[in-house]
Amino acid sequence: MSKNELMTRQAEPGSPVAGVPERATRVASWVGWHLFEITGVTVPAVVACTVTPWWWLVSGVVGAGWTANEVRAARKRAAIQAGRDLPATVEPSATVPDETSSVDDKRVGGVR
């Protein structure tokens, strides 16, 4: 078996892990998707260690932004997997009353 065959070998059909990517594939995919964030945290951290400690602020801000985005994405994923509806977006035209509408009709859908 060649090296390429070993690296791309998949699980046998019917096995408990059939169709699940290997660990290296999952890690490479994660690093690829998060390369910008990793760079945004590590480069300022290296500069902070070698040049001036003020760069820790840049690294911390990027890290906090990355964390906030990951938390938001995880909550959204959990809501979708749990089958809960995400907040519906309201069309802008539905919220603008026209001259012929009454006070009760000015609420979206006439609901109080």
C-alpha atoms as a PDB file:
ATOM      1  CA  MET A   1       0.000   0.000   0.000  1.00  0.00           C
ATOM      2  CA  SER A   2       1.459   3.393  -0.971  1.00  0.00           C
ATOM      3  CA  LYS A   3       1.737   6.437   1.263  1.00  0.00           C
ATOM      4  CA  ASN A   4      -1.056   8.220  -0.622  1.00  0.00           C
ATOM      5  CA  GLU A   5      -3.370   5.250  -0.202  1.00  0.00           C
ATOM      6  CA  LEU A   6      -2.726   5.222   3.549  1.00  0.00           C
ATOM      7  CA  MET A   7      -3.466   8.934   3.885  1.00  0.00           C
ATOM      8  CA  THR A   8      -6.711   8.820   1.897  1.00  0.00           C
ATOM      9  CA  ARG A   9      -7.984   5.434   3.069  1.00  0.00           C
ATOM     10  CA  GLN A  10     -11.588   5.564   4.270  1.00  0.00           C
ATOM     11  CA  ALA A  11     -13.364   3.300   6.719  1.00  0.00           C
ATOM     12  CA  GLU A  12     -14.907   0.141   5.389  1.00  0.00           C
ATOM     13  CA  PRO A  13     -18.611   0.401   4.449  1.00  0.00           C
ATOM     14  CA  GLY A  14     -20.802  -0.713   7.320  1.00  0.00           C
ATOM     15  CA  SER A  15     -18.233   0.018  10.015  1.00  0.00           C
ATOM     16  CA  PRO A  16     -19.194   2.391  12.857  1.00  0.00           C
ATOM     17  CA  VAL A  17     -17.026   5.168  11.428  1.00  0.00           C
ATOM     18  CA  ALA A  18     -17.931   4.822   7.754  1.00  0.00           C
ATOM     19  CA  GLY A  19     -18.071   8.185   6.060  1.00  0.00           C
ATOM     20  CA  VAL A  20     -16.478  10.030   8.982  1.00  0.00           C
ATOM     21  CA  PRO A  21     -13.336  11.922   7.954  1.00  0.00           C
ATOM     22  CA  GLU A  22     -10.088  10.936   9.565  1.00  0.00           C
ATOM     23  CA  ARG A  23      -8.714  13.066  12.363  1.00  0.00           C
ATOM     24  CA  ALA A  24      -6.020  14.673  10.203  1.00  0.00           C
ATOM     25  CA  THR A  25      -8.626  15.667   7.614  1.00  0.00           C
ATOM     26  CA  ARG A  26     -10.819  17.268  10.267  1.00  0.00           C
ATOM     27  CA  VAL A  27      -7.879  19.137  11.791  1.00  0.00           C
ATOM     28  CA  ALA A  28      -6.704  20.372   8.381  1.00  0.00           C
ATOM     29  CA  SER A  29     -10.212  21.545   7.557  1.00  0.00           C
ATOM     30  CA  TRP A  30     -10.544  23.396  10.877  1.00  0.00           C
ATOM     31  CA  VAL A  31      -7.150  25.078  10.452  1.00  0.00           C
ATOM     32  CA  GLY A  32      -8.061  26.066   6.894  1.00  0.00           C
ATOM     33  CA  TRP A  33     -11.338  27.666   7.957  1.00  0.00           C
ATOM     34  CA  HIS A  34      -9.752  29.444  10.938  1.00  0.00           C
ATOM     35  CA  LEU A  35      -6.414  30.468   9.421  1.00  0.00           C
ATOM     36  CA  PHE A  36      -7.271  34.173   9.517  1.00  0.00           C
ATOM     37  CA  GLU A  37      -8.200  34.049  13.196  1.00  0.00           C
ATOM     38  CA  ILE A  38      -5.148  31.980  14.122  1.00  0.00           C
ATOM     39  CA  THR A  39      -2.906  34.437  12.300  1.00  0.00           C
ATOM     40  CA  GLY A  40      -4.681  37.397  13.877  1.00  0.00           C
ATOM     41  CA  VAL A  41      -3.959  36.051  17.357  1.00  0.00           C
ATOM     42  CA  THR A  42      -0.477  34.553  16.922  1.00  0.00           C
ATOM     43  CA  VAL A  43       1.254  37.283  14.886  1.00  0.00           C
ATOM     44  CA  PRO A  44       0.478  40.066  17.401  1.00  0.00           C
ATOM     45  CA  ALA A  45       1.416  37.680  20.233  1.00  0.00           C
ATOM     46  CA  VAL A  46       4.821  37.025  18.662  1.00  0.00           C
ATOM     47  CA  VAL A  47       5.329  40.761  18.106  1.00  0.00           C
ATOM     48  CA  ALA A  48       4.337  41.364  21.738  1.00  0.00           C
ATOM     49  CA  CYS A  49       6.981  38.907  22.901  1.00  0.00           C
ATOM     50  CA  THR A  50       9.711  40.344  20.687  1.00  0.00           C
ATOM     51  CA  VAL A  51       8.991  44.071  20.248  1.00  0.00           C
ATOM     52  CA  THR A  52       6.598  45.643  22.730  1.00  0.00           C
ATOM     53  CA  PRO A  53       3.976  44.304  25.157  1.00  0.00           C
ATOM     54  CA  TRP A  54       1.339  46.679  23.751  1.00  0.00           C
ATOM     55  CA  TRP A  55       0.700  44.185  20.949  1.00  0.00           C
ATOM     56  CA  TRP A  56      -0.968  41.909  23.521  1.00  0.00           C
ATOM     57  CA  LEU A  57      -3.945  44.262  23.261  1.00  0.00           C
ATOM     58  CA  VAL A  58      -4.286  43.575  19.535  1.00  0.00           C
ATOM     59  CA  SER A  59      -3.979  39.846  20.110  1.00  0.00           C
ATOM     60  CA  GLY A  60      -6.556  40.014  22.910  1.00  0.00           C
ATOM     61  CA  VAL A  61      -9.055  42.001  20.841  1.00  0.00           C
ATOM     62  CA  VAL A  62      -8.769  39.591  17.914  1.00  0.00           C
ATOM     63  CA  GLY A  63      -9.088  36.632  20.291  1.00  0.00           C
ATOM     64  CA  ALA A  64     -12.173  38.128  21.935  1.00  0.00           C
ATOM     65  CA  GLY A  65     -13.774  38.745  18.559  1.00  0.00           C
ATOM     66  CA  TRP A  66     -13.009  35.200  17.475  1.00  0.00           C
ATOM     67  CA  THR A  67     -14.485  33.824  20.703  1.00  0.00           C
ATOM     68  CA  ALA A  68     -17.647  35.899  20.343  1.00  0.00           C
ATOM     69  CA  ASN A  69     -18.098  34.705  16.766  1.00  0.00           C
ATOM     70  CA  GLU A  70     -17.583  31.058  17.737  1.00  0.00           C
ATOM     71  CA  VAL A  71     -20.106  31.337  20.600  1.00  0.00           C
ATOM     72  CA  ARG A  72     -22.663  32.944  18.265  1.00  0.00           C
ATOM     73  CA  ALA A  73     -22.119  30.236  15.645  1.00  0.00           C
ATOM     74  CA  ALA A  74     -22.375  27.443  18.243  1.00  0.00           C
ATOM     75  CA  ARG A  75     -25.663  28.822  19.594  1.00  0.00           C
ATOM     76  CA  LYS A  76     -27.058  29.115  16.086  1.00  0.00           C
ATOM     77  CA  ARG A  77     -25.964  25.541  15.264  1.00  0.00           C
ATOM     78  CA  ALA A  78     -27.509  24.241  18.499  1.00  0.00           C
ATOM     79  CA  ALA A  79     -30.782  26.021  17.753  1.00  0.00           C
ATOM     80  CA  ILE A  80     -30.919  24.550  14.260  1.00  0.00           C
ATOM     81  CA  GLN A  81     -30.074  21.037  15.491  1.00  0.00           C
ATOM     82  CA  ALA A  82     -32.683  21.271  18.252  1.00  0.00           C
ATOM     83  CA  GLY A  83     -35.293  22.169  15.652  1.00  0.00           C
ATOM     84  CA  ARG A  84     -36.057  25.538  17.176  1.00  0.00           C
ATOM     85  CA  ASP A  85     -37.023  28.289  14.834  1.00  0.00           C
ATOM     86  CA  LEU A  86     -34.576  31.106  14.429  1.00  0.00           C
ATOM     87  CA  PRO A  87     -35.937  34.628  14.826  1.00  0.00           C
ATOM     88  CA  ALA A  88     -37.858  35.553  11.720  1.00  0.00           C
ATOM     89  CA  THR A  89     -36.793  38.605   9.828  1.00  0.00           C
ATOM     90  CA  VAL A  90     -39.459  41.219   9.247  1.00  0.00           C
ATOM     91  CA  GLU A  91     -39.806  42.721   5.813  1.00  0.00           C
ATOM     92  CA  PRO A  92     -39.255  46.487   5.953  1.00  0.00           C
ATOM     93  CA  SER A  93     -42.420  47.151   3.939  1.00  0.00           C
ATOM     94  CA  ALA A  94     -44.512  45.350   6.575  1.00  0.00           C
ATOM     95  CA  THR A  95     -43.529  47.855   9.287  1.00  0.00           C
ATOM     96  CA  VAL A  96     -44.208  51.069   7.347  1.00  0.00           C
ATOM     97  CA  PRO A  97     -47.822  52.214   7.714  1.00  0.00           C
ATOM     98  CA  ASP A  98     -49.536  53.924   4.849  1.00  0.00           C
ATOM     99  CA  GLU A  99     -52.031  56.802   5.054  1.00  0.00           C
ATOM    100  CA  THR A 100     -55.084  54.535   4.976  1.00  0.00           C
ATOM    101  CA  SER A 101     -54.119  52.338   7.921  1.00  0.00           C
ATOM    102  CA  SER A 102     -55.576  52.750  11.389  1.00  0.00           C
ATOM    103  CA  VAL A 103     -53.617  52.842  14.666  1.00  0.00           C
ATOM    104  CA  ASP A 104     -54.128  49.090  15.189  1.00  0.00           C
ATOM    105  CA  ASP A 105     -52.883  48.291  11.694  1.00  0.00           C
ATOM    106  CA  LYS A 106     -49.585  50.079  12.278  1.00  0.00           C
ATOM    107  CA  ARG A 107     -48.250  47.097  14.198  1.00  0.00           C
ATOM    108  CA  VAL A 108     -46.839  44.271  12.112  1.00  0.00           C
ATOM    109  CA  GLY A 109     -49.729  42.100  11.049  1.00  0.00           C
ATOM    110  CA  GLY A 110     -52.146  44.035  13.299  1.00  0.00           C
ATOM    111  CA  VAL A 111     -50.955  42.018  16.325  1.00  0.00           C
ATOM    112  CA  ARG A 112     -50.689  43.841  19.632  1.00  0.00           C
END
